[in-house]
Amino acid sequence: MANHSATKKDVRQSAKRNERNRYYGKTTRNAIRDLRAISEPSAAAAKMPSVSSMIDKLAKRGTIHKNKAANLKRKLALKINALAK
């Protein structure tokens, strides 16, 4: 580890960001898992906006790539639309 105070501060900030990103990522993955497990079309449609928002926030923060966010939302939308039929 470096001895410069700015580098030490950067390491602290990086660890804090890493912890936060892991928390939000895991929370979002759990929400996606729960949404996929729902078999009621109306319940799934009601939960979709909040999960979609969580995914968008991860992409905005740079925790996940914007294309991955788009792919996740697309797959969830396809699943919910398939339930409605």
PDB file of N, CA and C in Angstrom:
ATOM      1  N   MET A   1       0.842  -1.181   0.000  1.00  0.00           N
ATOM      2  CA  MET A   1       0.000   0.000   0.000  1.00  0.00           C
ATOM      3  C   MET A   1       0.881   1.235   0.000  1.00  0.00           C
ATOM      4  N   ALA A   2       0.449   2.260  -0.720  1.00  0.00           N
ATOM      5  CA  ALA A   2       1.246   3.467  -0.849  1.00  0.00           C
ATOM      6  C   ALA A   2       1.228   4.282   0.438  1.00  0.00           C
ATOM      7  N   ASN A   3       2.189   5.174   0.549  1.00  0.00           N
ATOM      8  CA  ASN A   3       2.322   5.978   1.752  1.00  0.00           C
ATOM      9  C   ASN A   3       1.763   7.387   1.589  1.00  0.00           C
ATOM     10  N   HIS A   4       1.374   7.766   0.394  1.00  0.00           N
ATOM     11  CA  HIS A   4       0.827   9.104   0.187  1.00  0.00           C
ATOM     12  C   HIS A   4      -0.573   9.186   0.770  1.00  0.00           C
ATOM     13  N   SER A   5      -0.866  10.299   1.381  1.00  0.00           N
ATOM     14  CA  SER A   5      -2.171  10.445   2.030  1.00  0.00           C
ATOM     15  C   SER A   5      -3.301  10.434   1.004  1.00  0.00           C
ATOM     16  N   ALA A   6      -3.061  10.993  -0.179  1.00  0.00           N
ATOM     17  CA  ALA A   6      -4.100  11.007  -1.218  1.00  0.00           C
ATOM     18  C   ALA A   6      -4.399   9.588  -1.700  1.00  0.00           C
ATOM     19  N   THR A   7      -3.365   8.765  -1.785  1.00  0.00           N
ATOM     20  CA  THR A   7      -3.555   7.389  -2.213  1.00  0.00           C
ATOM     21  C   THR A   7      -4.290   6.584  -1.148  1.00  0.00           C
ATOM     22  N   LYS A   8      -3.977   6.854   0.118  1.00  0.00           N
ATOM     23  CA  LYS A   8      -4.690   6.173   1.197  1.00  0.00           C
ATOM     24  C   LYS A   8      -6.164   6.547   1.188  1.00  0.00           C
ATOM     25  N   LYS A   9      -6.436   7.821   0.942  1.00  0.00           N
ATOM     26  CA  LYS A   9      -7.830   8.282   0.868  1.00  0.00           C
ATOM     27  C   LYS A   9      -8.539   7.612  -0.304  1.00  0.00           C
ATOM     28  N   ASP A  10      -7.849   7.488  -1.437  1.00  0.00           N
ATOM     29  CA  ASP A  10      -8.437   6.849  -2.612  1.00  0.00           C
ATOM     30  C   ASP A  10      -8.771   5.389  -2.331  1.00  0.00           C
ATOM     31  N   VAL A  11      -7.910   4.712  -1.571  1.00  0.00           N
ATOM     32  CA  VAL A  11      -8.166   3.316  -1.215  1.00  0.00           C
ATOM     33  C   VAL A  11      -9.408   3.224  -0.327  1.00  0.00           C
ATOM     34  N   ARG A  12      -9.537   4.155   0.631  1.00  0.00           N
ATOM     35  CA  ARG A  12     -10.716   4.167   1.497  1.00  0.00           C
ATOM     36  C   ARG A  12     -11.986   4.415   0.689  1.00  0.00           C
ATOM     37  N   GLN A  13     -11.928   5.384  -0.208  1.00  0.00           N
ATOM     38  CA  GLN A  13     -13.109   5.698  -1.028  1.00  0.00           C
ATOM     39  C   GLN A  13     -13.471   4.533  -1.928  1.00  0.00           C
ATOM     40  N   SER A  14     -12.464   3.895  -2.493  1.00  0.00           N
ATOM     41  CA  SER A  14     -12.697   2.762  -3.380  1.00  0.00           C
ATOM     42  C   SER A  14     -13.362   1.608  -2.624  1.00  0.00           C
ATOM     43  N   ALA A  15     -12.904   1.355  -1.407  1.00  0.00           N
ATOM     44  CA  ALA A  15     -13.490   0.275  -0.606  1.00  0.00           C
ATOM     45  C   ALA A  15     -14.940   0.590  -0.270  1.00  0.00           C
ATOM     46  N   LYS A  16     -15.217   1.846   0.042  1.00  0.00           N
ATOM     47  CA  LYS A  16     -16.578   2.260   0.382  1.00  0.00           C
ATOM     48  C   LYS A  16     -17.496   2.109  -0.828  1.00  0.00           C
ATOM     49  N   ARG A  17     -17.010   2.533  -1.998  1.00  0.00           N
ATOM     50  CA  ARG A  17     -17.806   2.404  -3.225  1.00  0.00           C
ATOM     51  C   ARG A  17     -18.040   0.951  -3.576  1.00  0.00           C
ATOM     52  N   ASN A  18     -17.007   0.118  -3.402  1.00  0.00           N
ATOM     53  CA  ASN A  18     -17.121  -1.306  -3.703  1.00  0.00           C
ATOM     54  C   ASN A  18     -18.182  -1.949  -2.825  1.00  0.00           C
ATOM     55  N   GLU A  19     -18.170  -1.603  -1.545  1.00  0.00           N
ATOM     56  CA  GLU A  19     -19.164  -2.143  -0.613  1.00  0.00           C
ATOM     57  C   GLU A  19     -20.574  -1.723  -1.016  1.00  0.00           C
ATOM     58  N   ARG A  20     -20.738  -0.460  -1.363  1.00  0.00           N
ATOM     59  CA  ARG A  20     -22.047   0.064  -1.761  1.00  0.00           C
ATOM     60  C   ARG A  20     -22.530  -0.608  -3.043  1.00  0.00           C
ATOM     61  N   ASN A  21     -21.630  -0.738  -4.023  1.00  0.00           N
ATOM     62  CA  ASN A  21     -22.010  -1.363  -5.290  1.00  0.00           C
ATOM     63  C   ASN A  21     -22.393  -2.827  -5.088  1.00  0.00           C
ATOM     64  N   ARG A  22     -21.677  -3.520  -4.210  1.00  0.00           N
ATOM     65  CA  ARG A  22     -22.020  -4.919  -3.932  1.00  0.00           C
ATOM     66  C   ARG A  22     -23.399  -5.023  -3.292  1.00  0.00           C
ATOM     67  N   TYR A  23     -23.702  -4.105  -2.380  1.00  0.00           N
ATOM     68  CA  TYR A  23     -25.004  -4.124  -1.709  1.00  0.00           C
ATOM     69  C   TYR A  23     -26.134  -3.883  -2.705  1.00  0.00           C
ATOM     70  N   TYR A  24     -26.022  -2.819  -3.506  1.00  0.00           N
ATOM     71  CA  TYR A  24     -27.081  -2.508  -4.463  1.00  0.00           C
ATOM     72  C   TYR A  24     -27.204  -3.587  -5.531  1.00  0.00           C
ATOM     73  N   GLY A  25     -26.069  -4.149  -5.959  1.00  0.00           N
ATOM     74  CA  GLY A  25     -26.109  -5.216  -6.952  1.00  0.00           C
ATOM     75  C   GLY A  25     -26.807  -6.452  -6.425  1.00  0.00           C
ATOM     76  N   LYS A  26     -26.487  -6.835  -5.200  1.00  0.00           N
ATOM     77  CA  LYS A  26     -27.102  -8.030  -4.610  1.00  0.00           C
ATOM     78  C   LYS A  26     -28.588  -7.807  -4.369  1.00  0.00           C
ATOM     79  N   THR A  27     -28.952  -6.610  -3.897  1.00  0.00           N
ATOM     80  CA  THR A  27     -30.358  -6.294  -3.665  1.00  0.00           C
ATOM     81  C   THR A  27     -31.149  -6.364  -4.967  1.00  0.00           C
ATOM     82  N   THR A  28     -30.571  -5.860  -6.027  1.00  0.00           N
ATOM     83  CA  THR A  28     -31.242  -5.890  -7.326  1.00  0.00           C
ATOM     84  C   THR A  28     -31.353  -7.314  -7.853  1.00  0.00           C
ATOM     85  N   ARG A  29     -30.296  -8.114  -7.697  1.00  0.00           N
ATOM     86  CA  ARG A  29     -30.360  -9.507  -8.136  1.00  0.00           C
ATOM     87  C   ARG A  29     -31.444 -10.271  -7.389  1.00  0.00           C
ATOM     88  N   ASN A  30     -31.591  -9.994  -6.092  1.00  0.00           N
ATOM     89  CA  ASN A  30     -32.646 -10.643  -5.309  1.00  0.00           C
ATOM     90  C   ASN A  30     -34.024 -10.213  -5.802  1.00  0.00           C
ATOM     91  N   ALA A  31     -34.178  -8.934  -6.135  1.00  0.00           N
ATOM     92  CA  ALA A  31     -35.466  -8.439  -6.630  1.00  0.00           C
ATOM     93  C   ALA A  31     -35.796  -9.077  -7.978  1.00  0.00           C
ATOM     94  N   ILE A  32     -34.791  -9.246  -8.832  1.00  0.00           N
ATOM     95  CA  ILE A  32     -34.997  -9.885 -10.135  1.00  0.00           C
ATOM     96  C   ILE A  32     -35.405 -11.345  -9.934  1.00  0.00           C
ATOM     97  N   ARG A  33     -34.728 -12.034  -9.013  1.00  0.00           N
ATOM     98  CA  ARG A  33     -35.064 -13.428  -8.713  1.00  0.00           C
ATOM     99  C   ARG A  33     -36.495 -13.551  -8.211  1.00  0.00           C
ATOM    100  N   ASP A  34     -36.886 -12.648  -7.321  1.00  0.00           N
ATOM    101  CA  ASP A  34     -38.250 -12.679  -6.787  1.00  0.00           C
ATOM    102  C   ASP A  34     -39.278 -12.396  -7.875  1.00  0.00           C
ATOM    103  N   LEU A  35     -38.951 -11.469  -8.776  1.00  0.00           N
ATOM    104  CA  LEU A  35     -39.869 -11.149  -9.873  1.00  0.00           C
ATOM    105  C   LEU A  35     -40.034 -12.335 -10.812  1.00  0.00           C
ATOM    106  N   ARG A  36     -38.943 -13.028 -11.093  1.00  0.00           N
ATOM    107  CA  ARG A  36     -39.023 -14.204 -11.969  1.00  0.00           C
ATOM    108  C   ARG A  36     -39.844 -15.328 -11.342  1.00  0.00           C
ATOM    109  N   ALA A  37     -39.872 -15.384 -10.014  1.00  0.00           N
ATOM    110  CA  ALA A  37     -40.589 -16.453  -9.319  1.00  0.00           C
ATOM    111  C   ALA A  37     -42.094 -16.208  -9.267  1.00  0.00           C
ATOM    112  N   ILE A  38     -42.531 -14.985  -9.528  1.00  0.00           N
ATOM    113  CA  ILE A  38     -43.959 -14.663  -9.456  1.00  0.00           C
ATOM    114  C   ILE A  38     -44.686 -15.310 -10.627  1.00  0.00           C
ATOM    115  N   SER A  39     -45.811 -15.949 -10.351  1.00  0.00           N
ATOM    116  CA  SER A  39     -46.583 -16.587 -11.425  1.00  0.00           C
ATOM    117  C   SER A  39     -47.881 -15.841 -11.717  1.00  0.00           C
ATOM    118  N   GLU A  40     -48.242 -14.874 -10.903  1.00  0.00           N
ATOM    119  CA  GLU A  40     -49.439 -14.055 -11.137  1.00  0.00           C
ATOM    120  C   GLU A  40     -49.087 -12.902 -12.073  1.00  0.00           C
ATOM    121  N   PRO A  41     -49.769 -12.767 -13.211  1.00  0.00           N
ATOM    122  CA  PRO A  41     -49.437 -11.688 -14.148  1.00  0.00           C
ATOM    123  C   PRO A  41     -49.611 -10.290 -13.550  1.00  0.00           C
ATOM    124  N   SER A  42     -50.671 -10.099 -12.771  1.00  0.00           N
ATOM    125  CA  SER A  42     -50.915  -8.764 -12.219  1.00  0.00           C
ATOM    126  C   SER A  42     -49.865  -8.394 -11.172  1.00  0.00           C
ATOM    127  N   ALA A  43     -49.473  -9.349 -10.344  1.00  0.00           N
ATOM    128  CA  ALA A  43     -48.453  -9.080  -9.330  1.00  0.00           C
ATOM    129  C   ALA A  43     -47.098  -8.797  -9.981  1.00  0.00           C
ATOM    130  N   ALA A  44     -46.788  -9.545 -11.016  1.00  0.00           N
ATOM    131  CA  ALA A  44     -45.521  -9.335 -11.711  1.00  0.00           C
ATOM    132  C   ALA A  44     -45.494  -7.973 -12.392  1.00  0.00           C
ATOM    133  N   ALA A  45     -46.619  -7.599 -13.010  1.00  0.00           N
ATOM    134  CA  ALA A  45     -46.690  -6.297 -13.678  1.00  0.00           C
ATOM    135  C   ALA A  45     -46.588  -5.156 -12.673  1.00  0.00           C
ATOM    136  N   ALA A  46     -47.100  -5.368 -11.471  1.00  0.00           N
ATOM    137  CA  ALA A  46     -47.032  -4.327 -10.450  1.00  0.00           C
ATOM    138  C   ALA A  46     -45.613  -4.163  -9.903  1.00  0.00           C
ATOM    139  N   LYS A  47     -44.864  -5.257  -9.850  1.00  0.00           N
ATOM    140  CA  LYS A  47     -43.500  -5.208  -9.304  1.00  0.00           C
ATOM    141  C   LYS A  47     -42.472  -4.775 -10.346  1.00  0.00           C
ATOM    142  N   MET A  48     -42.790  -4.909 -11.619  1.00  0.00           N
ATOM    143  CA  MET A  48     -41.833  -4.626 -12.682  1.00  0.00           C
ATOM    144  C   MET A  48     -41.271  -3.202 -12.655  1.00  0.00           C
ATOM    145  N   PRO A  49     -42.083  -2.153 -12.455  1.00  0.00           N
ATOM    146  CA  PRO A  49     -41.501  -0.804 -12.472  1.00  0.00           C
ATOM    147  C   PRO A  49     -40.423  -0.580 -11.409  1.00  0.00           C
ATOM    148  N   SER A  50     -40.620  -1.128 -10.225  1.00  0.00           N
ATOM    149  CA  SER A  50     -39.614  -0.922  -9.176  1.00  0.00           C
ATOM    150  C   SER A  50     -38.318  -1.672  -9.503  1.00  0.00           C
ATOM    151  N   VAL A  51     -38.434  -2.878 -10.032  1.00  0.00           N
ATOM    152  CA  VAL A  51     -37.238  -3.641 -10.400  1.00  0.00           C
ATOM    153  C   VAL A  51     -36.520  -2.975 -11.571  1.00  0.00           C
ATOM    154  N   SER A  52     -37.290  -2.492 -12.528  1.00  0.00           N
ATOM    155  CA  SER A  52     -36.712  -1.798 -13.669  1.00  0.00           C
ATOM    156  C   SER A  52     -35.964  -0.546 -13.216  1.00  0.00           C
ATOM    157  N   SER A  53     -36.521   0.149 -12.253  1.00  0.00           N
ATOM    158  CA  SER A  53     -35.871   1.336 -11.708  1.00  0.00           C
ATOM    159  C   SER A  53     -34.556   0.976 -11.028  1.00  0.00           C
ATOM    160  N   MET A  54     -34.554  -0.114 -10.287  1.00  0.00           N
ATOM    161  CA  MET A  54     -33.326  -0.557  -9.622  1.00  0.00           C
ATOM    162  C   MET A  54     -32.238  -0.880 -10.645  1.00  0.00           C
ATOM    163  N   ILE A  55     -32.629  -1.539 -11.724  1.00  0.00           N
ATOM    164  CA  ILE A  55     -31.675  -1.894 -12.774  1.00  0.00           C
ATOM    165  C   ILE A  55     -31.124  -0.628 -13.431  1.00  0.00           C
ATOM    166  N   ASP A  56     -32.010   0.340 -13.703  1.00  0.00           N
ATOM    167  CA  ASP A  56     -31.565   1.595 -14.314  1.00  0.00           C
ATOM    168  C   ASP A  56     -30.583   2.343 -13.410  1.00  0.00           C
ATOM    169  N   LYS A  57     -30.824   2.309 -12.115  1.00  0.00           N
ATOM    170  CA  LYS A  57     -29.922   2.992 -11.182  1.00  0.00           C
ATOM    171  C   LYS A  57     -28.544   2.346 -11.173  1.00  0.00           C
ATOM    172  N   LEU A  58     -28.499   1.017 -11.269  1.00  0.00           N
ATOM    173  CA  LEU A  58     -27.200   0.341 -11.338  1.00  0.00           C
ATOM    174  C   LEU A  58     -26.443   0.758 -12.587  1.00  0.00           C
ATOM    175  N   ALA A  59     -27.159   0.863 -13.710  1.00  0.00           N
ATOM    176  CA  ALA A  59     -26.513   1.255 -14.953  1.00  0.00           C
ATOM    177  C   ALA A  59     -26.053   2.701 -14.880  1.00  0.00           C
ATOM    178  N   LYS A  60     -26.855   3.555 -14.256  1.00  0.00           N
ATOM    179  CA  LYS A  60     -26.500   4.969 -14.144  1.00  0.00           C
ATOM    180  C   LYS A  60     -25.243   5.145 -13.298  1.00  0.00           C
ATOM    181  N   ARG A  61     -25.123   4.371 -12.225  1.00  0.00           N
ATOM    182  CA  ARG A  61     -23.958   4.457 -11.353  1.00  0.00           C
ATOM    183  C   ARG A  61     -22.719   3.815 -11.974  1.00  0.00           C
ATOM    184  N   GLY A  62     -22.917   2.983 -13.006  1.00  0.00           N
ATOM    185  CA  GLY A  62     -21.791   2.302 -13.619  1.00  0.00           C
ATOM    186  C   GLY A  62     -21.490   0.963 -12.976  1.00  0.00           C
ATOM    187  N   THR A  63     -22.388   0.500 -12.107  1.00  0.00           N
ATOM    188  CA  THR A  63     -22.185  -0.798 -11.472  1.00  0.00           C
ATOM    189  C   THR A  63     -22.332  -1.912 -12.491  1.00  0.00           C
ATOM    190  N   ILE A  64     -23.300  -1.768 -13.393  1.00  0.00           N
ATOM    191  CA  ILE A  64     -23.443  -2.696 -14.518  1.00  0.00           C
ATOM    192  C   ILE A  64     -23.460  -1.874 -15.803  1.00  0.00           C
ATOM    193  N   HIS A  65     -23.170  -2.509 -16.904  1.00  0.00           N
ATOM    194  CA  HIS A  65     -23.153  -1.832 -18.202  1.00  0.00           C
ATOM    195  C   HIS A  65     -24.577  -1.524 -18.637  1.00  0.00           C
ATOM    196  N   LYS A  66     -24.741  -0.446 -19.398  1.00  0.00           N
ATOM    197  CA  LYS A  66     -26.090  -0.047 -19.829  1.00  0.00           C
ATOM    198  C   LYS A  66     -26.727  -1.092 -20.742  1.00  0.00           C
ATOM    199  N   ASN A  67     -25.925  -1.799 -21.520  1.00  0.00           N
ATOM    200  CA  ASN A  67     -26.490  -2.837 -22.380  1.00  0.00           C
ATOM    201  C   ASN A  67     -26.961  -4.040 -21.553  1.00  0.00           C
ATOM    202  N   LYS A  68     -26.236  -4.347 -20.491  1.00  0.00           N
ATOM    203  CA  LYS A  68     -26.667  -5.438 -19.603  1.00  0.00           C
ATOM    204  C   LYS A  68     -27.986  -5.062 -18.949  1.00  0.00           C
ATOM    205  N   ALA A  69     -28.117  -3.804 -18.558  1.00  0.00           N
ATOM    206  CA  ALA A  69     -29.366  -3.338 -17.954  1.00  0.00           C
ATOM    207  C   ALA A  69     -30.517  -3.473 -18.948  1.00  0.00           C
ATOM    208  N   ALA A  70     -30.272  -3.091 -20.190  1.00  0.00           N
ATOM    209  CA  ALA A  70     -31.304  -3.189 -21.213  1.00  0.00           C
ATOM    210  C   ALA A  70     -31.691  -4.647 -21.463  1.00  0.00           C
ATOM    211  N   ASN A  71     -30.695  -5.532 -21.486  1.00  0.00           N
ATOM    212  CA  ASN A  71     -30.976  -6.954 -21.708  1.00  0.00           C
ATOM    213  C   ASN A  71     -31.773  -7.547 -20.543  1.00  0.00           C
ATOM    214  N   LEU A  72     -31.421  -7.179 -19.326  1.00  0.00           N
ATOM    215  CA  LEU A  72     -32.158  -7.684 -18.161  1.00  0.00           C
ATOM    216  C   LEU A  72     -33.617  -7.231 -18.203  1.00  0.00           C
ATOM    217  N   LYS A  73     -33.821  -5.953 -18.493  1.00  0.00           N
ATOM    218  CA  LYS A  73     -35.189  -5.430 -18.527  1.00  0.00           C
ATOM    219  C   LYS A  73     -35.993  -6.071 -19.656  1.00  0.00           C
ATOM    220  N   ARG A  74     -35.345  -6.312 -20.790  1.00  0.00           N
ATOM    221  CA  ARG A  74     -36.023  -6.949 -21.917  1.00  0.00           C
ATOM    222  C   ARG A  74     -36.463  -8.363 -21.558  1.00  0.00           C
ATOM    223  N   LYS A  75     -35.564  -9.127 -20.943  1.00  0.00           N
ATOM    224  CA  LYS A  75     -35.904 -10.502 -20.576  1.00  0.00           C
ATOM    225  C   LYS A  75     -37.023 -10.545 -19.540  1.00  0.00           C
ATOM    226  N   LEU A  76     -36.998  -9.611 -18.592  1.00  0.00           N
ATOM    227  CA  LEU A  76     -38.065  -9.565 -17.595  1.00  0.00           C
ATOM    228  C   LEU A  76     -39.399  -9.199 -18.235  1.00  0.00           C
ATOM    229  N   ALA A  77     -39.364  -8.256 -19.174  1.00  0.00           N
ATOM    230  CA  ALA A  77     -40.592  -7.854 -19.858  1.00  0.00           C
ATOM    231  C   ALA A  77     -41.157  -9.008 -20.675  1.00  0.00           C
ATOM    232  N   LEU A  78     -40.295  -9.761 -21.338  1.00  0.00           N
ATOM    233  CA  LEU A  78     -40.746 -10.923 -22.101  1.00  0.00           C
ATOM    234  C   LEU A  78     -41.403 -11.953 -21.187  1.00  0.00           C
ATOM    235  N   LYS A  79     -40.797 -12.165 -20.017  1.00  0.00           N
ATOM    236  CA  LYS A  79     -41.355 -13.130 -19.067  1.00  0.00           C
ATOM    237  C   LYS A  79     -42.738 -12.697 -18.575  1.00  0.00           C
ATOM    238  N   ILE A  80     -42.860 -11.418 -18.260  1.00  0.00           N
ATOM    239  CA  ILE A  80     -44.150 -10.903 -17.766  1.00  0.00           C
ATOM    240  C   ILE A  80     -45.207 -10.940 -18.856  1.00  0.00           C
ATOM    241  N   ASN A  81     -44.829 -10.607 -20.083  1.00  0.00           N
ATOM    242  CA  ASN A  81     -45.769 -10.663 -21.196  1.00  0.00           C
ATOM    243  C   ASN A  81     -46.203 -12.107 -21.488  1.00  0.00           C
ATOM    244  N   ALA A  82     -45.305 -13.049 -21.297  1.00  0.00           N
ATOM    245  CA  ALA A  82     -45.640 -14.453 -21.506  1.00  0.00           C
ATOM    246  C   ALA A  82     -46.628 -14.931 -20.441  1.00  0.00           C
ATOM    247  N   LEU A  83     -46.516 -14.395 -19.223  1.00  0.00           N
ATOM    248  CA  LEU A  83     -47.462 -14.761 -18.164  1.00  0.00           C
ATOM    249  C   LEU A  83     -48.872 -14.281 -18.487  1.00  0.00           C
ATOM    250  N   ALA A  84     -48.956 -13.127 -19.131  1.00  0.00           N
ATOM    251  CA  ALA A  84     -50.264 -12.519 -19.410  1.00  0.00           C
ATOM    252  C   ALA A  84     -51.031 -13.308 -20.458  1.00  0.00           C
ATOM    253  N   LYS A  85     -50.344 -14.076 -21.275  1.00  0.00           N
ATOM    254  CA  LYS A  85     -51.018 -14.816 -22.344  1.00  0.00           C
ATOM    255  C   LYS A  85     -51.605 -16.105 -21.853  1.00  0.00           C
TER     256      LYS A  85
END
